[in-house]
Amino acid sequence: MSLRPAASSLRSDDRRSARGHNSTGLSEMSFRKCSGEEAERAWFASLLWRAFPEAQSENDLAERAAEVLTSDRRPVTSRTVRNWLRRENAPHFRYVLKVVALVGAEAVFQIIDPEAE
């Protein structure tokens, strides 16, 4: 018996909308409607999509991010990144800083004032 989930039959453009992101790659969910911890996880998940706009799927993004965030002393697996994207786990601050650096400092203002554009 296989424990693997069935392969998705969604086309890549369907996956983009199915993962809760609009055409800009930002989460459609308002951060203000989440609890504090959930809002932080949602913000980081959307930040990952912004850091790797060329990613075509969650798995593609997870592999790209894991490769960039892995260091000699601290490996990051694609499974860990998928957990961050699904908001099942919170990333360590060291990874938040690396992703913010990839996106740009203006990403910090999104968490400070989600209504500012």
N, C-alpha and C. Protein backbone atom coordinates (compact mmCIF):
# COMPACT_ATOMS: atom_id res chain seq x y z
N MET A 1 0.84 -1.18 0.00
CA MET A 1 0.00 0.00 0.00
C MET A 1 0.88 1.24 0.00
N SER A 2 0.64 2.14 -0.91
CA SER A 2 1.44 3.36 -1.03
C SER A 2 0.85 4.47 -0.17
N LEU A 3 1.72 5.19 0.51
CA LEU A 3 1.30 6.32 1.33
C LEU A 3 1.45 7.64 0.60
N ARG A 4 1.90 7.58 -0.64
CA ARG A 4 2.10 8.81 -1.41
C ARG A 4 0.76 9.34 -1.89
N PRO A 5 0.61 10.67 -1.89
CA PRO A 5 -0.63 11.24 -2.40
C PRO A 5 -0.71 11.09 -3.91
N ALA A 6 -1.91 11.04 -4.42
CA ALA A 6 -2.11 10.92 -5.86
C ALA A 6 -1.58 12.16 -6.56
N ALA A 7 -1.03 11.98 -7.74
CA ALA A 7 -0.50 13.11 -8.50
C ALA A 7 -1.63 14.05 -8.88
N SER A 8 -1.34 15.32 -8.85
CA SER A 8 -2.35 16.33 -9.17
C SER A 8 -2.59 16.36 -10.67
N SER A 9 -3.85 16.50 -11.05
CA SER A 9 -4.18 16.60 -12.46
C SER A 9 -4.34 18.05 -12.90
N LEU A 10 -4.00 18.99 -12.01
CA LEU A 10 -4.14 20.40 -12.34
C LEU A 10 -3.04 20.85 -13.29
N ARG A 11 -3.40 21.71 -14.25
CA ARG A 11 -2.38 22.33 -15.10
C ARG A 11 -1.62 23.34 -14.25
N SER A 12 -0.45 23.78 -14.73
CA SER A 12 0.37 24.70 -13.94
C SER A 12 -0.35 26.01 -13.63
N ASP A 13 -1.15 26.53 -14.58
CA ASP A 13 -1.86 27.79 -14.30
C ASP A 13 -2.99 27.56 -13.30
N ASP A 14 -3.58 26.36 -13.27
CA ASP A 14 -4.59 26.03 -12.27
C ASP A 14 -3.95 25.89 -10.89
N ARG A 15 -2.73 25.34 -10.85
CA ARG A 15 -2.03 25.18 -9.56
C ARG A 15 -1.75 26.55 -8.96
N ARG A 16 -1.41 27.52 -9.80
CA ARG A 16 -1.10 28.85 -9.28
C ARG A 16 -2.31 29.42 -8.55
N SER A 17 -3.51 29.31 -9.13
CA SER A 17 -4.69 29.84 -8.46
C SER A 17 -5.13 28.94 -7.32
N ALA A 18 -4.89 27.64 -7.42
CA ALA A 18 -5.30 26.72 -6.38
C ALA A 18 -4.48 26.89 -5.11
N ARG A 19 -3.30 27.44 -5.22
CA ARG A 19 -2.47 27.58 -4.02
C ARG A 19 -2.77 28.87 -3.27
N GLY A 20 -3.79 29.60 -3.69
CA GLY A 20 -4.22 30.77 -2.94
C GLY A 20 -3.45 32.04 -3.23
N HIS A 21 -2.88 32.16 -4.42
CA HIS A 21 -2.12 33.35 -4.77
C HIS A 21 -2.74 34.01 -5.98
N ASN A 22 -2.66 35.32 -6.02
CA ASN A 22 -3.17 36.04 -7.17
C ASN A 22 -2.08 36.16 -8.21
N SER A 23 -2.32 36.91 -9.26
CA SER A 23 -1.37 37.00 -10.36
C SER A 23 -0.04 37.62 -9.97
N THR A 24 0.00 38.35 -8.86
CA THR A 24 1.26 38.94 -8.41
C THR A 24 2.07 37.97 -7.57
N GLY A 25 1.50 36.80 -7.26
CA GLY A 25 2.20 35.84 -6.43
C GLY A 25 1.97 36.05 -4.95
N LEU A 26 1.22 37.09 -4.59
CA LEU A 26 0.96 37.36 -3.18
C LEU A 26 -0.25 36.59 -2.72
N SER A 27 -0.25 36.22 -1.47
CA SER A 27 -1.36 35.48 -0.91
C SER A 27 -2.63 36.31 -0.98
N GLU A 28 -3.74 35.68 -1.37
CA GLU A 28 -5.01 36.38 -1.43
C GLU A 28 -5.62 36.53 -0.04
N MET A 29 -5.09 35.81 0.92
CA MET A 29 -5.62 35.84 2.26
C MET A 29 -5.10 37.08 2.99
N SER A 30 -5.99 37.78 3.66
CA SER A 30 -5.58 38.95 4.43
C SER A 30 -4.88 38.50 5.70
N PHE A 31 -3.72 39.08 5.96
CA PHE A 31 -2.97 38.70 7.15
C PHE A 31 -3.69 39.13 8.42
N ARG A 32 -4.52 40.16 8.33
CA ARG A 32 -5.22 40.65 9.51
C ARG A 32 -6.30 39.67 9.98
N LYS A 33 -6.76 38.77 9.13
CA LYS A 33 -7.80 37.83 9.49
C LYS A 33 -7.24 36.58 10.16
N CYS A 34 -5.95 36.48 10.30
CA CYS A 34 -5.30 35.32 10.88
C CYS A 34 -4.89 35.61 12.32
N SER A 35 -4.67 34.52 13.08
CA SER A 35 -4.07 34.70 14.40
C SER A 35 -2.63 35.17 14.18
N GLY A 36 -1.99 35.62 15.24
CA GLY A 36 -0.62 36.14 15.11
C GLY A 36 0.34 35.17 14.47
N GLU A 37 0.39 33.95 15.00
CA GLU A 37 1.33 32.96 14.46
C GLU A 37 0.93 32.54 13.05
N GLU A 38 -0.35 32.36 12.80
CA GLU A 38 -0.82 31.98 11.47
C GLU A 38 -0.51 33.09 10.46
N ALA A 39 -0.66 34.34 10.87
CA ALA A 39 -0.36 35.47 9.99
C ALA A 39 1.12 35.49 9.63
N GLU A 40 1.98 35.21 10.60
CA GLU A 40 3.42 35.17 10.33
C GLU A 40 3.77 34.06 9.35
N ARG A 41 3.16 32.89 9.53
CA ARG A 41 3.41 31.77 8.62
C ARG A 41 2.88 32.07 7.22
N ALA A 42 1.72 32.70 7.13
CA ALA A 42 1.16 33.07 5.83
C ALA A 42 2.05 34.09 5.14
N TRP A 43 2.54 35.06 5.90
CA TRP A 43 3.44 36.08 5.35
C TRP A 43 4.70 35.42 4.80
N PHE A 44 5.29 34.49 5.56
CA PHE A 44 6.52 33.86 5.10
C PHE A 44 6.27 33.00 3.86
N ALA A 45 5.15 32.30 3.82
CA ALA A 45 4.82 31.49 2.64
C ALA A 45 4.71 32.37 1.40
N SER A 46 4.04 33.52 1.53
CA SER A 46 3.93 34.42 0.37
C SER A 46 5.28 35.02 0.01
N LEU A 47 6.12 35.23 1.01
CA LEU A 47 7.46 35.75 0.77
C LEU A 47 8.30 34.76 -0.04
N LEU A 48 8.15 33.47 0.26
CA LEU A 48 8.87 32.45 -0.50
C LEU A 48 8.48 32.49 -1.98
N TRP A 49 7.18 32.64 -2.26
CA TRP A 49 6.74 32.73 -3.65
C TRP A 49 7.32 33.96 -4.33
N ARG A 50 7.43 35.07 -3.61
CA ARG A 50 8.02 36.29 -4.19
C ARG A 50 9.52 36.13 -4.41
N ALA A 51 10.19 35.38 -3.54
CA ALA A 51 11.63 35.20 -3.67
C ALA A 51 11.99 34.31 -4.86
N PHE A 52 11.08 33.43 -5.25
CA PHE A 52 11.34 32.51 -6.36
C PHE A 52 10.19 32.56 -7.37
N PRO A 53 10.03 33.69 -8.07
CA PRO A 53 8.89 33.86 -8.98
C PRO A 53 8.90 32.89 -10.16
N GLU A 54 10.05 32.32 -10.46
CA GLU A 54 10.14 31.39 -11.59
C GLU A 54 9.62 30.00 -11.25
N ALA A 55 9.34 29.72 -9.99
CA ALA A 55 8.83 28.41 -9.57
C ALA A 55 7.46 28.16 -10.18
N GLN A 56 7.28 26.98 -10.74
CA GLN A 56 6.03 26.63 -11.41
C GLN A 56 5.06 25.84 -10.54
N SER A 57 5.55 25.31 -9.42
CA SER A 57 4.70 24.51 -8.55
C SER A 57 5.27 24.58 -7.13
N GLU A 58 4.50 24.06 -6.19
CA GLU A 58 4.97 24.02 -4.81
C GLU A 58 6.24 23.19 -4.70
N ASN A 59 6.29 22.04 -5.40
CA ASN A 59 7.48 21.19 -5.35
C ASN A 59 8.69 21.88 -5.97
N ASP A 60 8.47 22.56 -7.08
CA ASP A 60 9.55 23.30 -7.74
C ASP A 60 10.08 24.38 -6.80
N LEU A 61 9.18 25.12 -6.19
CA LEU A 61 9.59 26.16 -5.23
C LEU A 61 10.34 25.55 -4.06
N ALA A 62 9.85 24.44 -3.53
CA ALA A 62 10.48 23.80 -2.38
C ALA A 62 11.91 23.38 -2.71
N GLU A 63 12.12 22.83 -3.89
CA GLU A 63 13.47 22.41 -4.29
C GLU A 63 14.40 23.60 -4.47
N ARG A 64 13.92 24.65 -5.12
CA ARG A 64 14.74 25.84 -5.34
C ARG A 64 15.11 26.51 -4.02
N ALA A 65 14.12 26.68 -3.15
CA ALA A 65 14.36 27.34 -1.87
C ALA A 65 15.29 26.51 -0.99
N ALA A 66 15.09 25.20 -0.97
CA ALA A 66 15.95 24.34 -0.15
C ALA A 66 17.40 24.45 -0.59
N GLU A 67 17.62 24.49 -1.89
CA GLU A 67 18.99 24.60 -2.41
C GLU A 67 19.64 25.92 -1.99
N VAL A 68 18.89 27.01 -2.07
CA VAL A 68 19.43 28.33 -1.73
C VAL A 68 19.64 28.47 -0.22
N LEU A 69 18.73 27.94 0.58
CA LEU A 69 18.79 28.13 2.03
C LEU A 69 19.70 27.15 2.75
N THR A 70 20.13 26.09 2.07
CA THR A 70 21.01 25.11 2.68
C THR A 70 22.43 25.66 2.82
N SER A 71 22.99 25.44 4.00
CA SER A 71 24.39 25.80 4.22
C SER A 71 25.14 24.53 4.61
N ASP A 72 26.46 24.63 4.73
CA ASP A 72 27.26 23.46 5.09
C ASP A 72 26.85 22.89 6.44
N ARG A 73 26.55 23.77 7.37
CA ARG A 73 26.21 23.31 8.73
C ARG A 73 24.73 23.05 8.93
N ARG A 74 23.89 23.64 8.10
CA ARG A 74 22.44 23.53 8.31
C ARG A 74 21.73 23.23 6.99
N PRO A 75 21.53 21.95 6.71
CA PRO A 75 20.80 21.61 5.49
C PRO A 75 19.30 21.90 5.63
N VAL A 76 18.69 22.33 4.54
CA VAL A 76 17.24 22.55 4.49
C VAL A 76 16.72 21.62 3.40
N THR A 77 15.74 20.81 3.73
CA THR A 77 15.17 19.88 2.76
C THR A 77 13.96 20.50 2.08
N SER A 78 13.62 19.96 0.91
CA SER A 78 12.42 20.44 0.22
C SER A 78 11.17 20.13 1.04
N ARG A 79 11.21 19.08 1.82
CA ARG A 79 10.06 18.76 2.69
C ARG A 79 9.85 19.86 3.73
N THR A 80 10.94 20.36 4.29
CA THR A 80 10.85 21.46 5.26
C THR A 80 10.22 22.69 4.62
N VAL A 81 10.65 23.01 3.40
CA VAL A 81 10.10 24.18 2.71
C VAL A 81 8.62 23.97 2.41
N ARG A 82 8.24 22.76 1.99
CA ARG A 82 6.81 22.49 1.76
C ARG A 82 6.01 22.68 3.05
N ASN A 83 6.55 22.28 4.18
CA ASN A 83 5.86 22.50 5.46
C ASN A 83 5.69 23.99 5.74
N TRP A 84 6.69 24.80 5.39
CA TRP A 84 6.57 26.25 5.55
C TRP A 84 5.48 26.79 4.62
N LEU A 85 5.47 26.32 3.38
CA LEU A 85 4.48 26.80 2.41
C LEU A 85 3.06 26.43 2.82
N ARG A 86 2.91 25.29 3.45
CA ARG A 86 1.59 24.84 3.90
C ARG A 86 1.24 25.35 5.29
N ARG A 87 2.16 26.15 5.83
CA ARG A 87 1.99 26.77 7.16
C ARG A 87 1.85 25.74 8.27
N GLU A 88 2.52 24.61 8.11
CA GLU A 88 2.49 23.57 9.13
C GLU A 88 3.57 23.80 10.18
N ASN A 89 4.65 24.47 9.80
CA ASN A 89 5.75 24.79 10.70
C ASN A 89 6.21 26.21 10.45
N ALA A 90 6.79 26.80 11.48
CA ALA A 90 7.34 28.15 11.35
C ALA A 90 8.85 28.04 11.11
N PRO A 91 9.39 28.86 10.22
CA PRO A 91 10.83 28.82 9.96
C PRO A 91 11.61 29.50 11.08
N HIS A 92 12.85 29.10 11.23
CA HIS A 92 13.75 29.79 12.15
C HIS A 92 14.04 31.18 11.58
N PHE A 93 14.32 32.10 12.46
CA PHE A 93 14.57 33.48 12.06
C PHE A 93 15.70 33.60 11.05
N ARG A 94 16.69 32.73 11.12
CA ARG A 94 17.82 32.80 10.16
C ARG A 94 17.33 32.63 8.72
N TYR A 95 16.30 31.79 8.52
CA TYR A 95 15.76 31.58 7.18
C TYR A 95 14.86 32.74 6.76
N VAL A 96 14.16 33.31 7.71
CA VAL A 96 13.34 34.48 7.42
C VAL A 96 14.24 35.61 6.90
N LEU A 97 15.35 35.83 7.58
CA LEU A 97 16.27 36.89 7.16
C LEU A 97 16.82 36.64 5.76
N LYS A 98 17.18 35.39 5.46
CA LYS A 98 17.71 35.07 4.13
C LYS A 98 16.67 35.33 3.04
N VAL A 99 15.43 34.95 3.30
CA VAL A 99 14.38 35.14 2.29
C VAL A 99 14.05 36.62 2.14
N VAL A 100 14.00 37.35 3.24
CA VAL A 100 13.78 38.80 3.16
C VAL A 100 14.88 39.44 2.33
N ALA A 101 16.11 39.00 2.52
CA ALA A 101 17.23 39.55 1.74
C ALA A 101 17.05 39.26 0.25
N LEU A 102 16.51 38.09 -0.09
CA LEU A 102 16.27 37.76 -1.49
C LEU A 102 15.18 38.63 -2.11
N VAL A 103 14.13 38.89 -1.35
CA VAL A 103 12.99 39.66 -1.85
C VAL A 103 13.29 41.15 -1.84
N GLY A 104 13.93 41.59 -0.79
CA GLY A 104 14.22 43.01 -0.62
C GLY A 104 13.63 43.51 0.68
N ALA A 105 14.21 44.54 1.20
CA ALA A 105 13.82 45.06 2.51
C ALA A 105 12.37 45.53 2.55
N GLU A 106 11.80 45.92 1.40
CA GLU A 106 10.42 46.39 1.41
C GLU A 106 9.45 45.30 1.86
N ALA A 107 9.87 44.04 1.82
CA ALA A 107 9.02 42.94 2.28
C ALA A 107 8.71 43.05 3.77
N VAL A 108 9.61 43.66 4.52
CA VAL A 108 9.39 43.82 5.96
C VAL A 108 8.19 44.72 6.21
N PHE A 109 7.98 45.71 5.37
CA PHE A 109 6.87 46.64 5.57
C PHE A 109 5.51 45.96 5.40
N GLN A 110 5.47 44.87 4.65
CA GLN A 110 4.21 44.15 4.47
C GLN A 110 3.72 43.56 5.80
N ILE A 111 4.61 43.11 6.63
CA ILE A 111 4.20 42.55 7.92
C ILE A 111 3.91 43.67 8.92
N ILE A 112 4.62 44.79 8.80
CA ILE A 112 4.39 45.93 9.70
C ILE A 112 3.06 46.60 9.38
N ASP A 113 2.80 46.85 8.09
CA ASP A 113 1.56 47.50 7.68
C ASP A 113 1.01 46.80 6.44
N PRO A 114 0.17 45.76 6.63
CA PRO A 114 -0.32 44.98 5.49
C PRO A 114 -1.17 45.77 4.50
N GLU A 115 -1.73 46.90 4.92
CA GLU A 115 -2.57 47.71 4.03
C GLU A 115 -1.76 48.61 3.11
N ALA A 116 -0.50 48.88 3.43
CA ALA A 116 0.35 49.75 2.61
C ALA A 116 0.73 49.03 1.32
N GLU A 117 0.79 49.78 0.25
CA GLU A 117 1.19 49.18 -1.03
C GLU A 117 2.31 49.94 -1.63
